[in-house]
Amino acid sequence: TNPTFDPNNFANTPPENWTNRAISMNYEPGSTFKV
């Protein structure tokens, strides 16, 4: 997921960029849900 972060330098990255949106992003899927 992007924006992302470099774990070697995580302290200088906004905490929201640490989030793995692939498992935590809640969203309405739209037409992909038609399947």
Full PDB file with SEQRES, HELIX, SHEET, SSBOND, CRYST1, ORIGX, SCALE, CONECT and MASTER records, all heavy atoms in Angstrom:
SEQRES   1 A   35  THR ASN PRO THR PHE ASP PRO ASN ASN PHE ALA ASN THR          
SEQRES   2 A   35  PRO PRO GLU ASN TRP THR ASN ARG ALA ILE SER MET ASN          
SEQRES   3 A   35  TYR GLU PRO GLY SER THR PHE LYS VAL                          
HELIX    1 AA1 PRO A    7  ASN A   12  5                                   6    
HELIX    2 AA2 PRO A   15  TRP A   18  5                                   4    
HELIX    3 AA3 ARG A   21  SER A   24  1                                   4    
HELIX    4 AA4 GLY A   30  LYS A   34  5                                   5    
CRYST1    1.000    1.000    1.000  90.00  90.00  90.00 P 1           1          
ORIGX1      1.000000  0.000000  0.000000        0.00000                         
ORIGX2      0.000000  1.000000  0.000000        0.00000                         
ORIGX3      0.000000  0.000000  1.000000        0.00000                         
SCALE1      1.000000  0.000000  0.000000        0.00000                         
SCALE2      0.000000  1.000000  0.000000        0.00000                         
SCALE3      0.000000  0.000000  1.000000        0.00000                         
ATOM      1  N   THR A   1       0.840  -1.191   0.000  1.00  0.00           N  
ATOM      2  CA  THR A   1       0.000   0.000   0.000  1.00  0.00           C  
ATOM      3  C   THR A   1       0.876   1.242   0.000  1.00  0.00           C  
ATOM      4  O   THR A   1       1.943   1.254   0.617  1.00  0.00           O  
ATOM      5  CB  THR A   1      -0.948  -0.010   1.218  1.00  0.00           C  
ATOM      6  OG1 THR A   1      -1.768   1.151   1.191  1.00  0.00           O  
ATOM      7  CG2 THR A   1      -0.168  -0.053   2.522  1.00  0.00           C  
ATOM      8  N   ASN A   2       0.455   2.238  -0.759  1.00  0.00           N  
ATOM      9  CA  ASN A   2       1.124   3.537  -0.792  1.00  0.00           C  
ATOM     10  C   ASN A   2       0.119   4.618  -0.407  1.00  0.00           C  
ATOM     11  O   ASN A   2      -1.047   4.499  -0.771  1.00  0.00           O  
ATOM     12  CB  ASN A   2       1.688   3.839  -2.198  1.00  0.00           C  
ATOM     13  CG  ASN A   2       3.038   3.215  -2.438  1.00  0.00           C  
ATOM     14  OD1 ASN A   2       3.469   2.353  -1.690  1.00  0.00           O  
ATOM     15  ND2 ASN A   2       3.712   3.654  -3.479  1.00  0.00           N  
ATOM     16  N   PRO A   3       0.538   5.662   0.336  1.00  0.00           N  
ATOM     17  CA  PRO A   3       1.890   5.957   0.818  1.00  0.00           C  
ATOM     18  C   PRO A   3       2.384   4.877   1.781  1.00  0.00           C  
ATOM     19  O   PRO A   3       1.598   4.275   2.497  1.00  0.00           O  
ATOM     20  CB  PRO A   3       1.730   7.293   1.527  1.00  0.00           C  
ATOM     21  CG  PRO A   3       0.464   7.874   1.027  1.00  0.00           C  
ATOM     22  CD  PRO A   3      -0.416   6.717   0.715  1.00  0.00           C  
ATOM     23  N   THR A   4       3.693   4.722   1.802  1.00  0.00           N  
ATOM     24  CA  THR A   4       4.287   3.685   2.616  1.00  0.00           C  
ATOM     25  C   THR A   4       5.357   4.292   3.519  1.00  0.00           C  
ATOM     26  O   THR A   4       5.404   5.505   3.716  1.00  0.00           O  
ATOM     27  CB  THR A   4       4.865   2.574   1.716  1.00  0.00           C  
ATOM     28  OG1 THR A   4       5.325   1.503   2.527  1.00  0.00           O  
ATOM     29  CG2 THR A   4       5.995   3.098   0.835  1.00  0.00           C  
ATOM     30  N   PHE A   5       6.238   3.468   4.060  1.00  0.00           N  
ATOM     31  CA  PHE A   5       7.289   3.953   4.952  1.00  0.00           C  
ATOM     32  C   PHE A   5       8.491   3.026   4.886  1.00  0.00           C  
ATOM     33  O   PHE A   5       8.374   1.871   4.466  1.00  0.00           O  
ATOM     34  CB  PHE A   5       6.779   4.042   6.396  1.00  0.00           C  
ATOM     35  CG  PHE A   5       6.567   2.701   7.059  1.00  0.00           C  
ATOM     36  CD1 PHE A   5       7.491   2.194   7.963  1.00  0.00           C  
ATOM     37  CD2 PHE A   5       5.442   1.934   6.770  1.00  0.00           C  
ATOM     38  CE1 PHE A   5       7.297   0.957   8.563  1.00  0.00           C  
ATOM     39  CE2 PHE A   5       5.248   0.698   7.360  1.00  0.00           C  
ATOM     40  CZ  PHE A   5       6.180   0.212   8.268  1.00  0.00           C  
ATOM     41  N   ASP A   6       9.622   3.559   5.303  1.00  0.00           N  
ATOM     42  CA  ASP A   6      10.843   2.765   5.410  1.00  0.00           C  
ATOM     43  C   ASP A   6      11.002   2.360   6.875  1.00  0.00           C  
ATOM     44  O   ASP A   6      11.200   3.220   7.733  1.00  0.00           O  
ATOM     45  CB  ASP A   6      12.053   3.581   4.954  1.00  0.00           C  
ATOM     46  CG  ASP A   6      13.346   2.782   4.979  1.00  0.00           C  
ATOM     47  OD1 ASP A   6      13.361   1.659   5.524  1.00  0.00           O  
ATOM     48  OD2 ASP A   6      14.365   3.302   4.467  1.00  0.00           O  
ATOM     49  N   PRO A   7      10.892   1.077   7.203  1.00  0.00           N  
ATOM     50  CA  PRO A   7      10.992   0.665   8.607  1.00  0.00           C  
ATOM     51  C   PRO A   7      12.356   0.946   9.229  1.00  0.00           C  
ATOM     52  O   PRO A   7      12.477   0.935  10.458  1.00  0.00           O  
ATOM     53  CB  PRO A   7      10.703  -0.840   8.564  1.00  0.00           C  
ATOM     54  CG  PRO A   7      10.918  -1.241   7.150  1.00  0.00           C  
ATOM     55  CD  PRO A   7      10.618  -0.060   6.309  1.00  0.00           C  
ATOM     56  N   ASN A   8      13.379   1.200   8.399  1.00  0.00           N  
ATOM     57  CA  ASN A   8      14.670   1.612   8.965  1.00  0.00           C  
ATOM     58  C   ASN A   8      14.587   3.007   9.566  1.00  0.00           C  
ATOM     59  O   ASN A   8      15.431   3.385  10.379  1.00  0.00           O  
ATOM     60  CB  ASN A   8      15.744   1.619   7.868  1.00  0.00           C  
ATOM     61  CG  ASN A   8      16.075   0.241   7.362  1.00  0.00           C  
ATOM     62  OD1 ASN A   8      16.441  -0.640   8.135  1.00  0.00           O  
ATOM     63  ND2 ASN A   8      15.928   0.024   6.064  1.00  0.00           N  
ATOM     64  N   ASN A   9      13.585   3.781   9.137  1.00  0.00           N  
ATOM     65  CA  ASN A   9      13.473   5.173   9.553  1.00  0.00           C  
ATOM     66  C   ASN A   9      12.015   5.517   9.845  1.00  0.00           C  
ATOM     67  O   ASN A   9      11.521   6.566   9.453  1.00  0.00           O  
ATOM     68  CB  ASN A   9      14.027   6.080   8.444  1.00  0.00           C  
ATOM     69  CG  ASN A   9      14.294   7.486   8.915  1.00  0.00           C  
ATOM     70  OD1 ASN A   9      14.523   7.737  10.098  1.00  0.00           O  
ATOM     71  ND2 ASN A   9      14.234   8.431   7.995  1.00  0.00           N  
ATOM     72  N   PHE A  10      11.335   4.603  10.550  1.00  0.00           N  
ATOM     73  CA  PHE A  10       9.898   4.754  10.759  1.00  0.00           C  
ATOM     74  C   PHE A  10       9.543   5.992  11.570  1.00  0.00           C  
ATOM     75  O   PHE A  10       8.471   6.575  11.398  1.00  0.00           O  
ATOM     76  CB  PHE A  10       9.327   3.505  11.442  1.00  0.00           C  
ATOM     77  CG  PHE A  10       9.809   3.293  12.859  1.00  0.00           C  
ATOM     78  CD1 PHE A  10       9.150   3.881  13.920  1.00  0.00           C  
ATOM     79  CD2 PHE A  10      10.912   2.491  13.118  1.00  0.00           C  
ATOM     80  CE1 PHE A  10       9.584   3.676  15.228  1.00  0.00           C  
ATOM     81  CE2 PHE A  10      11.361   2.298  14.415  1.00  0.00           C  
ATOM     82  CZ  PHE A  10      10.687   2.896  15.472  1.00  0.00           C  
ATOM     83  N   ALA A  11      10.441   6.419  12.456  1.00  0.00           N  
ATOM     84  CA  ALA A  11      10.128   7.552  13.334  1.00  0.00           C  
ATOM     85  C   ALA A  11       9.941   8.850  12.559  1.00  0.00           C  
ATOM     86  O   ALA A  11       9.283   9.771  13.047  1.00  0.00           O  
ATOM     87  CB  ALA A  11      11.224   7.719  14.382  1.00  0.00           C  
ATOM     88  N   ASN A  12      10.517   8.929  11.381  1.00  0.00           N  
ATOM     89  CA  ASN A  12      10.400  10.147  10.577  1.00  0.00           C  
ATOM     90  C   ASN A  12       9.298  10.052   9.522  1.00  0.00           C  
ATOM     91  O   ASN A  12       9.294  10.814   8.563  1.00  0.00           O  
ATOM     92  CB  ASN A  12      11.743  10.459   9.905  1.00  0.00           C  
ATOM     93  CG  ASN A  12      12.809  10.844  10.916  1.00  0.00           C  
ATOM     94  OD1 ASN A  12      12.520  11.465  11.930  1.00  0.00           O  
ATOM     95  ND2 ASN A  12      14.047  10.455  10.645  1.00  0.00           N  
ATOM     96  N   THR A  13       8.407   9.087   9.693  1.00  0.00           N  
ATOM     97  CA  THR A  13       7.288   8.899   8.773  1.00  0.00           C  
ATOM     98  C   THR A  13       5.988   9.119   9.530  1.00  0.00           C  
ATOM     99  O   THR A  13       5.853   8.682  10.671  1.00  0.00           O  
ATOM    100  CB  THR A  13       7.300   7.469   8.198  1.00  0.00           C  
ATOM    101  OG1 THR A  13       8.573   7.209   7.607  1.00  0.00           O  
ATOM    102  CG2 THR A  13       6.215   7.303   7.141  1.00  0.00           C  
ATOM    103  N   PRO A  14       4.993   9.783   8.937  1.00  0.00           N  
ATOM    104  CA  PRO A  14       3.703   9.949   9.612  1.00  0.00           C  
ATOM    105  C   PRO A  14       3.120   8.587  10.005  1.00  0.00           C  
ATOM    106  O   PRO A  14       3.120   7.656   9.194  1.00  0.00           O  
ATOM    107  CB  PRO A  14       2.835  10.636   8.548  1.00  0.00           C  
ATOM    108  CG  PRO A  14       3.803  11.334   7.649  1.00  0.00           C  
ATOM    109  CD  PRO A  14       5.029  10.470   7.619  1.00  0.00           C  
ATOM    110  N   PRO A  15       2.630   8.455  11.237  1.00  0.00           N  
ATOM    111  CA  PRO A  15       2.109   7.154  11.695  1.00  0.00           C  
ATOM    112  C   PRO A  15       1.031   6.568  10.803  1.00  0.00           C  
ATOM    113  O   PRO A  15       0.908   5.346  10.710  1.00  0.00           O  
ATOM    114  CB  PRO A  15       1.559   7.487  13.096  1.00  0.00           C  
ATOM    115  CG  PRO A  15       2.373   8.651  13.553  1.00  0.00           C  
ATOM    116  CD  PRO A  15       2.644   9.459  12.317  1.00  0.00           C  
ATOM    117  N   GLU A  16       0.245   7.428  10.117  1.00  0.00           N  
ATOM    118  CA  GLU A  16      -0.796   6.879   9.245  1.00  0.00           C  
ATOM    119  C   GLU A  16      -0.210   6.092   8.081  1.00  0.00           C  
ATOM    120  O   GLU A  16      -0.890   5.244   7.488  1.00  0.00           O  
ATOM    121  CB  GLU A  16      -1.712   7.984   8.714  1.00  0.00           C  
ATOM    122  CG  GLU A  16      -1.015   9.098   7.965  1.00  0.00           C  
ATOM    123  CD  GLU A  16      -0.648  10.289   8.847  1.00  0.00           C  
ATOM    124  OE1 GLU A  16      -0.467  10.086  10.066  1.00  0.00           O  
ATOM    125  OE2 GLU A  16      -0.539  11.402   8.305  1.00  0.00           O  
ATOM    126  N   ASN A  17       1.059   6.340   7.753  1.00  0.00           N  
ATOM    127  CA  ASN A  17       1.702   5.588   6.674  1.00  0.00           C  
ATOM    128  C   ASN A  17       2.153   4.205   7.124  1.00  0.00           C  
ATOM    129  O   ASN A  17       2.528   3.377   6.296  1.00  0.00           O  
ATOM    130  CB  ASN A  17       2.897   6.356   6.116  1.00  0.00           C  
ATOM    131  CG  ASN A  17       2.484   7.567   5.302  1.00  0.00           C  
ATOM    132  OD1 ASN A  17       1.302   7.867   5.206  1.00  0.00           O  
ATOM    133  ND2 ASN A  17       3.443   8.265   4.733  1.00  0.00           N  
ATOM    134  N   TRP A  18       2.148   3.960   8.432  1.00  0.00           N  
ATOM    135  CA  TRP A  18       2.503   2.626   8.935  1.00  0.00           C  
ATOM    136  C   TRP A  18       1.370   1.630   8.700  1.00  0.00           C  
ATOM    137  O   TRP A  18       1.575   0.420   8.780  1.00  0.00           O  
ATOM    138  CB  TRP A  18       2.800   2.669  10.429  1.00  0.00           C  
ATOM    139  CG  TRP A  18       3.870   3.631  10.852  1.00  0.00           C  
ATOM    140  CD1 TRP A  18       4.797   4.256  10.055  1.00  0.00           C  
ATOM    141  CD2 TRP A  18       4.128   4.099  12.179  1.00  0.00           C  
ATOM    142  NE1 TRP A  18       5.603   5.069  10.799  1.00  0.00           N  
ATOM    143  CE2 TRP A  18       5.227   5.003  12.114  1.00  0.00           C  
ATOM    144  CE3 TRP A  18       3.544   3.846  13.414  1.00  0.00           C  
ATOM    145  CZ2 TRP A  18       5.736   5.643  13.233  1.00  0.00           C  
ATOM    146  CZ3 TRP A  18       4.050   4.480  14.537  1.00  0.00           C  
ATOM    147  CH2 TRP A  18       5.144   5.366  14.449  1.00  0.00           C  
ATOM    148  N   THR A  19       0.173   2.142   8.421  1.00  0.00           N  
ATOM    149  CA  THR A  19      -1.024   1.302   8.329  1.00  0.00           C  
ATOM    150  C   THR A  19      -0.982   0.393   7.100  1.00  0.00           C  
ATOM    151  O   THR A  19      -0.635   0.831   6.008  1.00  0.00           O  
ATOM    152  CB  THR A  19      -2.278   2.190   8.239  1.00  0.00           C  
ATOM    153  OG1 THR A  19      -2.313   3.054   9.368  1.00  0.00           O  
ATOM    154  CG2 THR A  19      -3.543   1.352   8.205  1.00  0.00           C  
ATOM    155  N   ASN A  20      -1.344  -0.853   7.316  1.00  0.00           N  
ATOM    156  CA  ASN A  20      -1.509  -1.774   6.186  1.00  0.00           C  
ATOM    157  C   ASN A  20      -2.963  -1.700   5.737  1.00  0.00           C  
ATOM    158  O   ASN A  20      -3.843  -2.367   6.291  1.00  0.00           O  
ATOM    159  CB  ASN A  20      -1.137  -3.198   6.594  1.00  0.00           C  
ATOM    160  CG  ASN A  20      -1.135  -4.149   5.412  1.00  0.00           C  
ATOM    161  OD1 ASN A  20      -1.747  -3.887   4.383  1.00  0.00           O  
ATOM    162  ND2 ASN A  20      -0.438  -5.258   5.547  1.00  0.00           N  
ATOM    163  N   ARG A  21      -3.229  -0.873   4.727  1.00  0.00           N  
ATOM    164  CA  ARG A  21      -4.607  -0.659   4.276  1.00  0.00           C  
ATOM    165  C   ARG A  21      -5.211  -1.915   3.654  1.00  0.00           C  
ATOM    166  O   ARG A  21      -6.438  -2.029   3.562  1.00  0.00           O  
ATOM    167  CB  ARG A  21      -4.654   0.504   3.281  1.00  0.00           C  
ATOM    168  CG  ARG A  21      -4.183   1.819   3.893  1.00  0.00           C  
ATOM    169  CD  ARG A  21      -4.100   2.935   2.852  1.00  0.00           C  
ATOM    170  NE  ARG A  21      -3.396   4.087   3.385  1.00  0.00           N  
ATOM    171  CZ  ARG A  21      -2.075   4.239   3.373  1.00  0.00           C  
ATOM    172  NH1 ARG A  21      -1.325   3.301   2.801  1.00  0.00           N  
ATOM    173  NH2 ARG A  21      -1.511   5.294   3.897  1.00  0.00           N  
ATOM    174  N   ALA A  22      -4.382  -2.837   3.225  1.00  0.00           N  
ATOM    175  CA  ALA A  22      -4.897  -4.078   2.637  1.00  0.00           C  
ATOM    176  C   ALA A  22      -5.733  -4.870   3.635  1.00  0.00           C  
ATOM    177  O   ALA A  22      -6.620  -5.632   3.241  1.00  0.00           O  
ATOM    178  CB  ALA A  22      -3.744  -4.939   2.116  1.00  0.00           C  
ATOM    179  N   ILE A  23      -5.471  -4.686   4.924  1.00  0.00           N  
ATOM    180  CA  ILE A  23      -6.218  -5.430   5.943  1.00  0.00           C  
ATOM    181  C   ILE A  23      -7.032  -4.519   6.859  1.00  0.00           C  
ATOM    182  O   ILE A  23      -7.819  -5.014   7.665  1.00  0.00           O  
ATOM    183  CB  ILE A  23      -5.275  -6.295   6.810  1.00  0.00           C  
ATOM    184  CG1 ILE A  23      -4.323  -5.408   7.626  1.00  0.00           C  
ATOM    185  CG2 ILE A  23      -4.492  -7.271   5.948  1.00  0.00           C  
ATOM    186  CD1 ILE A  23      -3.520  -6.167   8.669  1.00  0.00           C  
ATOM    187  N   SER A  24      -6.863  -3.209   6.748  1.00  0.00           N  
ATOM    188  CA  SER A  24      -7.516  -2.308   7.703  1.00  0.00           C  
ATOM    189  C   SER A  24      -8.400  -1.246   7.075  1.00  0.00           C  
ATOM    190  O   SER A  24      -9.126  -0.556   7.783  1.00  0.00           O  
ATOM    191  CB  SER A  24      -6.450  -1.613   8.557  1.00  0.00           C  
ATOM    192  OG  SER A  24      -5.623  -0.771   7.763  1.00  0.00           O  
ATOM    193  N   MET A  25      -8.364  -1.086   5.767  1.00  0.00           N  
ATOM    194  CA  MET A  25      -9.148  -0.043   5.097  1.00  0.00           C  
ATOM    195  C   MET A  25     -10.600  -0.506   4.941  1.00  0.00           C  
ATOM    196  O   MET A  25     -10.892  -1.485   4.267  1.00  0.00           O  
ATOM    197  CB  MET A  25      -8.538   0.244   3.717  1.00  0.00           C  
ATOM    198  CG  MET A  25      -9.346   1.195   2.859  1.00  0.00           C  
ATOM    199  SD  MET A  25      -8.581   1.336   1.206  1.00  0.00           S  
ATOM    200  CE  MET A  25      -9.773   2.387   0.377  1.00  0.00           C  
ATOM    201  N   ASN A  26     -11.515   0.197   5.586  1.00  0.00           N  
ATOM    202  CA  ASN A  26     -12.940  -0.073   5.425  1.00  0.00           C  
ATOM    203  C   ASN A  26     -13.486   0.817   4.313  1.00  0.00           C  
ATOM    204  O   ASN A  26     -13.397   2.041   4.395  1.00  0.00           O  
ATOM    205  CB  ASN A  26     -13.690   0.211   6.726  1.00  0.00           C  
ATOM    206  CG  ASN A  26     -13.342  -0.776   7.826  1.00  0.00           C  
ATOM    207  OD1 ASN A  26     -13.363  -1.980   7.617  1.00  0.00           O  
ATOM    208  ND2 ASN A  26     -13.014  -0.271   9.003  1.00  0.00           N  
ATOM    209  N   TYR A  27     -14.065   0.225   3.290  1.00  0.00           N  
ATOM    210  CA  TYR A  27     -14.561   1.014   2.160  1.00  0.00           C  
ATOM    211  C   TYR A  27     -15.726   0.299   1.484  1.00  0.00           C  
ATOM    212  O   TYR A  27     -15.875  -0.924   1.611  1.00  0.00           O  
ATOM    213  CB  TYR A  27     -13.444   1.270   1.147  1.00  0.00           C  
ATOM    214  CG  TYR A  27     -13.061   0.073   0.300  1.00  0.00           C  
ATOM    215  CD1 TYR A  27     -13.401   0.005  -1.050  1.00  0.00           C  
ATOM    216  CD2 TYR A  27     -12.365  -1.007   0.851  1.00  0.00           C  
ATOM    217  CE1 TYR A  27     -13.062  -1.099  -1.822  1.00  0.00           C  
ATOM    218  CE2 TYR A  27     -12.020  -2.106   0.085  1.00  0.00           C  
ATOM    219  CZ  TYR A  27     -12.372  -2.151  -1.245  1.00  0.00           C  
ATOM    220  OH  TYR A  27     -12.040  -3.246  -2.010  1.00  0.00           O  
ATOM    221  N   GLU A  28     -16.565   1.056   0.790  1.00  0.00           N  
ATOM    222  CA  GLU A  28     -17.637   0.471  -0.001  1.00  0.00           C  
ATOM    223  C   GLU A  28     -17.037  -0.033  -1.306  1.00  0.00           C  
ATOM    224  O   GLU A  28     -16.440   0.739  -2.059  1.00  0.00           O  
ATOM    225  CB  GLU A  28     -18.734   1.498  -0.258  1.00  0.00           C  
ATOM    226  CG  GLU A  28     -19.476   1.904   1.010  1.00  0.00           C  
ATOM    227  CD  GLU A  28     -20.650   2.818   0.743  1.00  0.00           C  
ATOM    228  OE1 GLU A  28     -21.119   2.864  -0.415  1.00  0.00           O  
ATOM    229  OE2 GLU A  28     -21.108   3.491   1.690  1.00  0.00           O  
ATOM    230  N   PRO A  29     -17.174  -1.323  -1.605  1.00  0.00           N  
ATOM    231  CA  PRO A  29     -16.430  -1.910  -2.728  1.00  0.00           C  
ATOM    232  C   PRO A  29     -16.976  -1.573  -4.100  1.00  0.00           C  
ATOM    233  O   PRO A  29     -16.301  -1.778  -5.107  1.00  0.00           O  
ATOM    234  CB  PRO A  29     -16.538  -3.406  -2.461  1.00  0.00           C  
ATOM    235  CG  PRO A  29     -17.836  -3.553  -1.727  1.00  0.00           C  
ATOM    236  CD  PRO A  29     -17.960  -2.321  -0.872  1.00  0.00           C  
ATOM    237  N   GLY A  30     -18.221  -1.090  -4.161  1.00  0.00           N  
ATOM    238  CA  GLY A  30     -18.782  -0.812  -5.477  1.00  0.00           C  
ATOM    239  C   GLY A  30     -19.012  -2.087  -6.263  1.00  0.00           C  
ATOM    240  O   GLY A  30     -19.291  -3.158  -5.714  1.00  0.00           O  
ATOM    241  N   SER A  31     -18.859  -1.990  -7.575  1.00  0.00           N  
ATOM    242  CA  SER A  31     -19.286  -3.072  -8.473  1.00  0.00           C  
ATOM    243  C   SER A  31     -18.453  -4.342  -8.379  1.00  0.00           C  
ATOM    244  O   SER A  31     -18.875  -5.382  -8.899  1.00  0.00           O  
ATOM    245  CB  SER A  31     -19.293  -2.566  -9.923  1.00  0.00           C  
ATOM    246  OG  SER A  31     -20.267  -1.552 -10.080  1.00  0.00           O  
ATOM    247  N   THR A  32     -17.273  -4.300  -7.755  1.00  0.00           N  
ATOM    248  CA  THR A  32     -16.531  -5.549  -7.552  1.00  0.00           C  
ATOM    249  C   THR A  32     -17.324  -6.512  -6.676  1.00  0.00           C  
ATOM    250  O   THR A  32     -17.133  -7.733  -6.744  1.00  0.00           O  
ATOM    251  CB  THR A  32     -15.156  -5.284  -6.917  1.00  0.00           C  
ATOM    252  OG1 THR A  32     -15.334  -4.482  -5.742  1.00  0.00           O  
ATOM    253  CG2 THR A  32     -14.235  -4.561  -7.882  1.00  0.00           C  
ATOM    254  N   PHE A  33     -18.246  -5.950  -5.865  1.00  0.00           N  
ATOM    255  CA  PHE A  33     -19.055  -6.797  -4.985  1.00  0.00           C  
ATOM    256  C   PHE A  33     -20.144  -7.539  -5.749  1.00  0.00           C  
ATOM    257  O   PHE A  33     -20.733  -8.495  -5.238  1.00  0.00           O  
ATOM    258  CB  PHE A  33     -19.687  -5.946  -3.878  1.00  0.00           C  
ATOM    259  CG  PHE A  33     -20.316  -6.744  -2.771  1.00  0.00           C  
ATOM    260  CD1 PHE A  33     -19.542  -7.264  -1.754  1.00  0.00           C  
ATOM    261  CD2 PHE A  33     -21.685  -6.984  -2.750  1.00  0.00           C  
ATOM    262  CE1 PHE A  33     -20.110  -8.012  -0.733  1.00  0.00           C  
ATOM    263  CE2 PHE A  33     -22.270  -7.727  -1.743  1.00  0.00           C  
ATOM    264  CZ  PHE A  33     -21.475  -8.241  -0.723  1.00  0.00           C  
ATOM    265  N   LYS A  34     -20.431  -7.126  -6.973  1.00  0.00           N  
ATOM    266  CA  LYS A  34     -21.471  -7.777  -7.770  1.00  0.00           C  
ATOM    267  C   LYS A  34     -21.167  -9.252  -8.007  1.00  0.00           C  
ATOM    268  O   LYS A  34     -22.069 -10.060  -8.231  1.00  0.00           O  
ATOM    269  CB  LYS A  34     -21.653  -7.041  -9.096  1.00  0.00           C  
ATOM    270  CG  LYS A  34     -22.251  -5.646  -8.929  1.00  0.00           C  
ATOM    271  CD  LYS A  34     -22.270  -4.847 -10.224  1.00  0.00           C  
ATOM    272  CE  LYS A  34     -22.874  -3.468 -10.001  1.00  0.00           C  
ATOM    273  NZ  LYS A  34     -22.820  -2.601 -11.188  1.00  0.00           N  
ATOM    274  N   VAL A  35     -19.885  -9.607  -7.953  1.00  0.00           N  
ATOM    275  CA  VAL A  35     -19.493 -11.016  -8.091  1.00  0.00           C  
ATOM    276  C   VAL A  35     -20.078 -11.834  -6.943  1.00  0.00           C  
ATOM    277  O   VAL A  35     -20.528 -12.972  -7.138  1.00  0.00           O  
ATOM    278  CB  VAL A  35     -17.955 -11.136  -8.124  1.00  0.00           C  
ATOM    279  CG1 VAL A  35     -17.528 -12.591  -8.060  1.00  0.00           C  
ATOM    280  CG2 VAL A  35     -17.398 -10.467  -9.365  1.00  0.00           C  
TER     281      VAL A  35                                                      
MASTER        0    0    0    4    0    0    0    6  280    1    0    3          
END                                                                             
